[in-house]
Amino acid sequence: MSFIPGNRTDPEPTEVQVVRSSPVLIQGVLLCPHCAGRKGADLVGRCGSGSDPCVCLLLQLVAQGQFRILKVPLGFIKVLQWFFAIFAFSTCGSYSGMFKMAVECKNRTESNLAIQVEFEYPFRLHQVYFDAPTCKDRATDRIFLVGDYSSSAEFFVTIGVFAFLYSTAALSIYVFFYDKYKENNKGPLIDLGVTAAFAFMWLVSSAAWAKGLSDVKTATDPDEVITLIDACEKEENSCREVHDPVMSGLNTSVAFGFINLVLWAGNLWFVFKETGIIAPFMRAPPPEGKPAPDAYAQQGAYEQDPYASNQGGYQPEFNQQGYNQEAEYGQGYGQQGAPTSFSNQM
């Protein structure tokens, strides 16, 4: 059996294929191996094709993103605004409730003990109706609820949706285009104006929806709805509520609205600091350290002369004092009658 080198084809090792399919880091940018040498239009045109699948643009975008901004108050509060905006408009816009009543006529065969009334966002209650027995000849009356509270509810949900969209756009700019955001100080100024506008809108919409929710609770209270039924005005008939509507979701939406107000109003300070307007007023005072060289030299010269004079005058004074003491001591010894010479003693 002969061996022909030209006809032998060995498959590539699996390890090489794994290495080739892993991303590579080139000049600080993460790229997939198929697009490592491509730039510009060639990169956009070749990436994502069926024959050459890769996510080069996404990898580059993630690698160049400044995710540290999410750790500072400016970015972290924006993330909270994004989440709480979703909670606000979702809890209100997705609400649907119901309540039940019972009308018991004198003639039990004409009674209806399970009247169910359903309502939902946007709370156009004047379009919600139910059939109640008249307790006469098995007839029924169609009764509509009272009130239209769609304006406050829709306004609240609209502010929540737009706040969510703006938070998404702002976070994208913070992470991927922060240098452009700080350029010419236009980005922070626009951000400051929009943030102030949303803070005011959250105040108005939350207050309006809180009042609207109070009216919705009153209009859907079974005890209030029973007063609309003519058969319940007669003493021989009995009407009662069976099930109250659950309003916890709507109460939560109002709470989320005021939380958004606090977040957007509190974020004004951090956005305002990005504008640099307050920078000239926040200059640090000059350090109180060593004095200037000239002043230090003058002060040293001023303090050196008295010290030198005191030191120079101290030694002669000591000698003079000691000399005088010796003189006084000798003088006192002579005054006591001590012999001054040997001849006088004799």
Protein backbone atom coordinates (compact mmCIF):
# COMPACT_ATOMS: atom_id res chain seq x y z
CA MET A 1 0.00 0.00 0.00
CA SER A 2 1.58 3.24 -1.18
CA PHE A 3 1.32 6.58 0.54
CA ILE A 4 0.57 9.67 -1.54
CA PRO A 5 1.19 12.88 0.42
CA GLY A 6 -0.92 15.04 -1.87
CA ASN A 7 -4.10 12.99 -1.38
CA ARG A 8 -4.08 13.02 2.43
CA THR A 9 -6.28 15.57 4.15
CA ASP A 10 -6.21 15.75 7.93
CA PRO A 11 -9.07 17.46 9.77
CA GLU A 12 -8.24 20.51 11.81
CA PRO A 13 -7.94 19.86 15.53
CA THR A 14 -10.94 20.67 17.67
CA GLU A 15 -8.84 22.89 19.93
CA VAL A 16 -7.96 25.17 17.03
CA GLN A 17 -11.60 25.53 16.07
CA VAL A 18 -12.51 26.49 19.62
CA VAL A 19 -9.78 29.09 19.73
CA ARG A 20 -10.86 30.56 16.40
CA SER A 21 -14.46 30.87 17.54
CA SER A 22 -13.59 32.72 20.74
CA PRO A 23 -13.44 36.54 20.91
CA VAL A 24 -10.08 38.29 20.78
CA LEU A 25 -8.98 41.57 22.29
CA ILE A 26 -7.37 44.00 19.86
CA GLN A 27 -6.31 47.45 21.10
CA GLY A 28 -8.76 47.34 23.96
CA VAL A 29 -11.73 46.38 21.73
CA LEU A 30 -13.33 42.94 21.96
CA LEU A 31 -13.88 41.37 18.55
CA CYS A 32 -14.91 37.99 17.27
CA PRO A 33 -12.14 36.23 15.25
CA HIS A 34 -14.01 36.45 11.93
CA CYS A 35 -14.21 40.24 12.16
CA ALA A 36 -10.89 41.00 13.84
CA GLY A 37 -9.37 42.45 10.67
CA ARG A 38 -12.42 44.30 9.38
CA LYS A 39 -13.37 47.90 9.80
CA GLY A 40 -16.10 50.27 8.75
CA ALA A 41 -18.57 49.17 6.10
CA ASP A 42 -16.91 45.78 5.66
CA LEU A 43 -17.51 45.03 9.33
CA VAL A 44 -21.16 46.02 9.10
CA GLY A 45 -21.74 44.11 5.88
CA ARG A 46 -20.09 40.83 6.84
CA CYS A 47 -21.16 40.48 10.48
CA GLY A 48 -24.40 38.70 11.11
CA SER A 49 -24.60 36.95 7.74
CA GLY A 50 -25.59 33.32 7.51
CA SER A 51 -22.21 32.20 6.26
CA ASP A 52 -20.24 34.20 8.79
CA PRO A 53 -22.27 34.58 12.03
CA CYS A 54 -20.82 36.90 14.68
CA VAL A 55 -21.79 39.78 16.90
CA CYS A 56 -18.84 42.09 16.39
CA LEU A 57 -20.74 45.34 16.61
CA LEU A 58 -22.43 44.28 19.82
CA LEU A 59 -19.13 43.19 21.32
CA GLN A 60 -17.49 46.47 20.37
CA LEU A 61 -20.36 48.44 21.85
CA VAL A 62 -20.23 46.54 25.12
CA ALA A 63 -16.43 46.78 25.30
CA GLN A 64 -16.48 50.53 24.78
CA GLY A 65 -19.31 51.17 27.27
CA GLN A 66 -18.61 53.06 30.49
CA PHE A 67 -20.58 50.99 32.95
CA ARG A 68 -18.95 52.72 35.91
CA ILE A 69 -21.52 55.49 35.50
CA LEU A 70 -24.12 53.10 36.90
CA LYS A 71 -22.28 53.09 40.25
CA VAL A 72 -22.46 56.85 40.76
CA PRO A 73 -25.70 58.62 41.81
CA LEU A 74 -26.30 60.06 38.33
CA GLY A 75 -26.54 56.64 36.70
CA PHE A 76 -27.84 54.65 39.66
CA ILE A 77 -30.82 56.95 40.19
CA LYS A 78 -31.56 56.77 36.47
CA VAL A 79 -31.76 52.98 36.78
CA LEU A 80 -34.22 53.38 39.67
CA GLN A 81 -36.26 55.79 37.57
CA TRP A 82 -36.35 53.22 34.79
CA PHE A 83 -37.65 50.48 37.09
CA PHE A 84 -40.19 52.56 39.01
CA ALA A 85 -41.58 54.07 35.80
CA ILE A 86 -42.35 50.54 34.61
CA PHE A 87 -44.00 49.70 37.92
CA ALA A 88 -46.07 52.89 37.86
CA PHE A 89 -47.66 52.61 34.42
CA SER A 90 -47.94 48.81 34.48
CA THR A 91 -49.83 48.62 37.78
CA CYS A 92 -52.31 51.23 36.57
CA GLY A 93 -52.61 50.36 32.89
CA SER A 94 -53.08 46.63 33.41
CA TYR A 95 -55.72 46.85 36.13
CA SER A 96 -59.10 45.14 35.91
CA GLY A 97 -61.50 44.67 38.79
CA MET A 98 -64.97 43.45 39.64
CA PHE A 99 -67.53 43.54 42.40
CA LYS A 100 -70.66 41.51 43.16
CA MET A 101 -74.05 42.38 44.56
CA ALA A 102 -77.22 40.49 45.46
CA VAL A 103 -80.81 41.65 44.97
CA GLU A 104 -83.32 39.55 46.84
CA CYS A 105 -86.90 40.26 45.86
CA LYS A 106 -90.04 39.50 47.86
CA ASN A 107 -90.79 36.91 45.21
CA ARG A 108 -87.66 34.79 45.48
CA THR A 109 -88.00 33.55 41.90
CA GLU A 110 -87.29 37.06 40.64
CA SER A 111 -84.16 37.53 42.74
CA ASN A 112 -80.63 37.74 41.43
CA LEU A 113 -78.04 36.90 44.06
CA ALA A 114 -74.95 37.09 41.82
CA ILE A 115 -74.84 40.41 39.95
CA GLN A 116 -71.24 40.79 38.75
CA VAL A 117 -69.90 44.10 37.48
CA GLU A 118 -66.46 44.26 35.81
CA PHE A 119 -64.46 47.40 35.05
CA GLU A 120 -60.91 48.14 33.94
CA TYR A 121 -58.47 50.78 32.78
CA PRO A 122 -59.04 53.54 31.55
CA PHE A 123 -62.06 53.65 33.93
CA ARG A 124 -64.76 55.02 31.67
CA LEU A 125 -67.34 53.86 34.17
CA HIS A 126 -70.23 55.57 32.45
CA GLN A 127 -69.87 52.88 29.78
CA VAL A 128 -70.01 50.01 32.30
CA TYR A 129 -73.46 48.56 32.90
CA PHE A 130 -75.25 45.60 34.46
CA ASP A 131 -78.79 44.22 34.52
CA ALA A 132 -80.64 44.32 37.83
CA PRO A 133 -84.02 42.78 38.55
CA THR A 134 -87.02 45.07 39.04
CA CYS A 135 -88.82 42.48 41.15
CA LYS A 136 -91.83 42.90 38.87
CA ASP A 137 -92.85 40.32 36.30
CA ARG A 138 -89.26 39.03 35.99
CA ALA A 139 -88.19 42.23 34.27
CA THR A 140 -84.69 43.75 34.46
CA ASP A 141 -83.28 47.25 34.27
CA ARG A 142 -79.97 48.14 32.62
CA ILE A 143 -78.05 50.36 35.00
CA PHE A 144 -74.84 52.26 34.16
CA LEU A 145 -72.17 53.27 36.59
CA VAL A 146 -71.40 56.93 37.13
CA GLY A 147 -68.27 58.83 36.14
CA ASP A 148 -65.49 59.03 33.56
CA TYR A 149 -62.02 59.01 35.11
CA SER A 150 -60.04 58.15 32.03
CA SER A 151 -58.30 61.52 31.75
CA SER A 152 -56.35 61.30 35.02
CA ALA A 153 -55.56 57.60 34.55
CA GLU A 154 -54.38 58.00 30.94
CA PHE A 155 -52.33 61.05 31.83
CA PHE A 156 -50.60 59.12 34.62
CA VAL A 157 -49.84 56.16 32.37
CA THR A 158 -48.59 58.44 29.58
CA ILE A 159 -46.12 60.16 31.90
CA GLY A 160 -44.93 56.77 33.08
CA VAL A 161 -44.36 55.49 29.55
CA PHE A 162 -42.48 58.61 28.45
CA ALA A 163 -40.40 58.56 31.64
CA PHE A 164 -39.48 54.95 30.90
CA LEU A 165 -38.46 55.80 27.33
CA TYR A 166 -36.42 58.81 28.38
CA SER A 167 -34.68 56.82 31.13
CA THR A 168 -33.77 54.15 28.59
CA ALA A 169 -32.32 56.74 26.20
CA ALA A 170 -30.47 58.56 28.99
CA LEU A 171 -28.92 55.35 30.29
CA SER A 172 -27.75 54.47 26.78
CA ILE A 173 -26.13 57.87 26.42
CA TYR A 174 -24.53 57.68 29.86
CA VAL A 175 -22.99 54.29 29.17
CA PHE A 176 -21.99 54.48 25.51
CA PHE A 177 -21.79 58.18 24.64
CA TYR A 178 -20.81 59.90 27.86
CA ASP A 179 -18.07 61.93 26.15
CA LYS A 180 -20.59 63.26 23.67
CA TYR A 181 -22.95 63.94 26.56
CA LYS A 182 -20.37 66.17 28.28
CA GLU A 183 -19.28 67.91 25.07
CA ASN A 184 -20.00 71.66 25.05
CA ASN A 185 -22.10 71.18 28.20
CA LYS A 186 -25.23 70.82 26.05
CA GLY A 187 -26.08 67.30 27.18
CA PRO A 188 -26.25 68.09 30.92
CA LEU A 189 -28.28 71.25 30.28
CA ILE A 190 -30.83 69.35 28.19
CA ASP A 191 -30.89 66.57 30.74
CA LEU A 192 -31.49 69.09 33.51
CA GLY A 193 -34.42 70.67 31.70
CA VAL A 194 -36.04 67.34 30.86
CA THR A 195 -35.52 66.03 34.40
CA ALA A 196 -37.14 69.14 35.87
CA ALA A 197 -40.07 68.78 33.47
CA PHE A 198 -40.61 65.13 34.40
CA ALA A 199 -40.40 65.94 38.11
CA PHE A 200 -43.19 68.49 37.66
CA MET A 201 -45.23 66.10 35.51
CA TRP A 202 -44.93 63.33 38.07
CA LEU A 203 -46.22 65.71 40.72
CA VAL A 204 -49.23 66.74 38.64
CA SER A 205 -50.06 63.28 37.30
CA SER A 206 -49.67 61.53 40.66
CA ALA A 207 -51.87 64.07 42.43
CA ALA A 208 -54.48 63.93 39.67
CA TRP A 209 -54.51 60.14 39.62
CA ALA A 210 -54.76 59.98 43.42
CA LYS A 211 -57.90 62.12 43.23
CA GLY A 212 -59.20 60.06 40.30
CA LEU A 213 -58.60 56.83 42.19
CA SER A 214 -60.59 58.15 45.13
CA ASP A 215 -63.50 58.86 42.79
CA VAL A 216 -63.18 55.41 41.18
CA LYS A 217 -63.38 53.78 44.61
CA THR A 218 -66.53 55.73 45.38
CA ALA A 219 -68.15 54.95 42.02
CA THR A 220 -67.42 51.22 42.30
CA ASP A 221 -68.41 50.84 45.94
CA PRO A 222 -71.23 48.25 46.00
CA ASP A 223 -73.07 50.22 48.68
CA GLU A 224 -73.13 53.25 46.39
CA VAL A 225 -74.10 51.22 43.33
CA ILE A 226 -77.03 49.66 45.20
CA THR A 227 -78.57 53.11 45.51
CA LEU A 228 -78.92 53.16 41.70
CA ILE A 229 -81.21 50.11 41.71
CA ASP A 230 -84.90 51.04 41.98
CA ALA A 231 -85.91 47.70 43.45
CA CYS A 232 -83.60 48.25 46.42
CA GLU A 233 -85.60 51.34 47.48
CA LYS A 234 -88.58 49.20 48.45
CA GLU A 235 -88.65 47.77 51.94
CA GLU A 236 -89.92 44.33 50.90
CA ASN A 237 -86.76 43.79 48.81
CA SER A 238 -83.29 43.23 50.21
CA CYS A 239 -80.02 44.29 48.54
CA ARG A 240 -76.50 43.67 49.80
CA GLU A 241 -72.92 43.53 48.59
CA VAL A 242 -71.25 40.19 48.04
CA HIS A 243 -67.70 41.08 46.98
CA ASP A 244 -65.77 44.36 47.09
CA PRO A 245 -63.34 45.32 44.30
CA VAL A 246 -59.65 44.80 45.05
CA MET A 247 -57.88 48.15 44.77
CA SER A 248 -54.42 47.21 46.05
CA GLY A 249 -52.88 47.41 42.56
CA LEU A 250 -54.21 50.92 42.02
CA ASN A 251 -53.04 52.02 45.45
CA THR A 252 -49.59 50.72 44.55
CA SER A 253 -49.60 52.71 41.31
CA VAL A 254 -50.22 55.94 43.23
CA ALA A 255 -47.37 55.07 45.61
CA PHE A 256 -45.07 54.41 42.66
CA GLY A 257 -46.08 57.75 41.17
CA PHE A 258 -44.94 59.69 44.23
CA ILE A 259 -41.78 57.58 44.47
CA ASN A 260 -41.00 58.64 40.91
CA LEU A 261 -41.59 62.24 41.95
CA VAL A 262 -38.98 61.89 44.70
CA LEU A 263 -36.50 60.20 42.36
CA TRP A 264 -36.79 62.76 39.58
CA ALA A 265 -36.76 65.73 41.94
CA GLY A 266 -33.79 64.33 43.84
CA ASN A 267 -31.87 63.65 40.64
CA LEU A 268 -32.02 67.34 39.73
CA TRP A 269 -29.07 68.05 42.02
CA PHE A 270 -26.81 65.42 40.47
CA VAL A 271 -27.70 66.49 36.92
CA PHE A 272 -27.16 70.12 37.91
CA LYS A 273 -23.64 69.31 39.09
CA GLU A 274 -22.88 67.83 35.66
CA THR A 275 -23.62 71.19 34.02
CA GLY A 276 -20.65 72.82 35.76
CA ILE A 277 -22.64 75.93 36.62
CA ILE A 278 -21.86 75.59 40.30
CA ALA A 279 -18.15 74.89 39.76
CA PRO A 280 -16.95 78.54 40.10
CA PHE A 281 -18.74 78.80 43.44
CA MET A 282 -17.20 75.62 44.84
CA ARG A 283 -13.52 76.57 44.62
CA ALA A 284 -11.48 75.32 47.55
CA PRO A 285 -9.84 77.99 49.78
CA PRO A 286 -6.04 78.38 49.56
CA PRO A 287 -4.19 75.87 51.76
CA GLU A 288 -3.07 77.21 55.12
CA GLY A 289 0.36 75.62 55.06
CA LYS A 290 3.84 77.13 55.01
CA PRO A 291 3.98 80.92 54.49
CA ALA A 292 5.43 82.48 51.41
CA PRO A 293 9.24 82.45 51.05
CA ASP A 294 9.62 86.25 51.46
CA ALA A 295 7.39 86.38 54.48
CA TYR A 296 9.16 83.40 55.96
CA ALA A 297 12.55 85.02 55.45
CA GLN A 298 11.36 88.29 56.96
CA GLN A 299 9.84 86.48 59.89
CA GLY A 300 13.00 84.43 60.44
CA ALA A 301 15.17 87.50 60.26
CA TYR A 302 12.89 89.31 62.66
CA GLU A 303 12.92 86.52 65.19
CA GLN A 304 16.62 85.72 64.88
CA ASP A 305 17.96 89.10 66.10
CA PRO A 306 16.24 89.12 69.50
CA TYR A 307 17.27 85.55 70.09
CA ALA A 308 20.87 86.30 69.20
CA SER A 309 20.91 89.41 71.39
CA ASN A 310 19.51 87.55 74.33
CA GLN A 311 21.97 84.75 73.90
CA GLY A 312 24.93 87.12 73.50
CA GLY A 313 24.00 89.21 76.54
CA TYR A 314 23.36 86.24 78.76
CA GLN A 315 27.01 85.09 79.09
CA PRO A 316 28.57 88.39 80.19
CA GLU A 317 25.78 88.84 82.66
CA PHE A 318 26.54 85.44 84.10
CA ASN A 319 30.28 86.22 84.38
CA GLN A 320 29.64 89.59 85.83
CA GLN A 321 27.24 88.14 88.34
CA GLY A 322 29.69 85.43 89.32
CA TYR A 323 32.53 87.95 89.60
CA ASN A 324 30.52 90.20 91.80
CA GLN A 325 29.54 87.31 94.00
CA GLU A 326 33.21 86.38 94.49
CA ALA A 327 34.07 89.95 95.25
CA GLU A 328 31.28 90.27 97.74
CA TYR A 329 32.27 86.95 99.31
CA GLY A 330 35.93 88.12 99.74
CA GLN A 331 34.80 91.46 101.07
CA GLY A 332 32.52 89.86 103.58
CA TYR A 333 35.28 87.50 104.72
CA GLY A 334 37.60 90.46 105.37
CA GLN A 335 34.94 92.27 107.37
CA GLN A 336 34.62 89.28 109.74
CA GLY A 337 38.21 89.88 111.13
CA ALA A 338 40.08 87.29 109.23
CA PRO A 339 43.89 87.92 108.99
CA THR A 340 44.94 89.53 105.80
CA SER A 341 48.65 88.82 106.21
CA PHE A 342 51.01 86.82 108.40
CA SER A 343 52.66 89.95 109.88
CA ASN A 344 49.38 91.33 111.09
CA GLN A 345 48.58 88.06 112.72
CA MET A 346 51.78 88.12 114.65
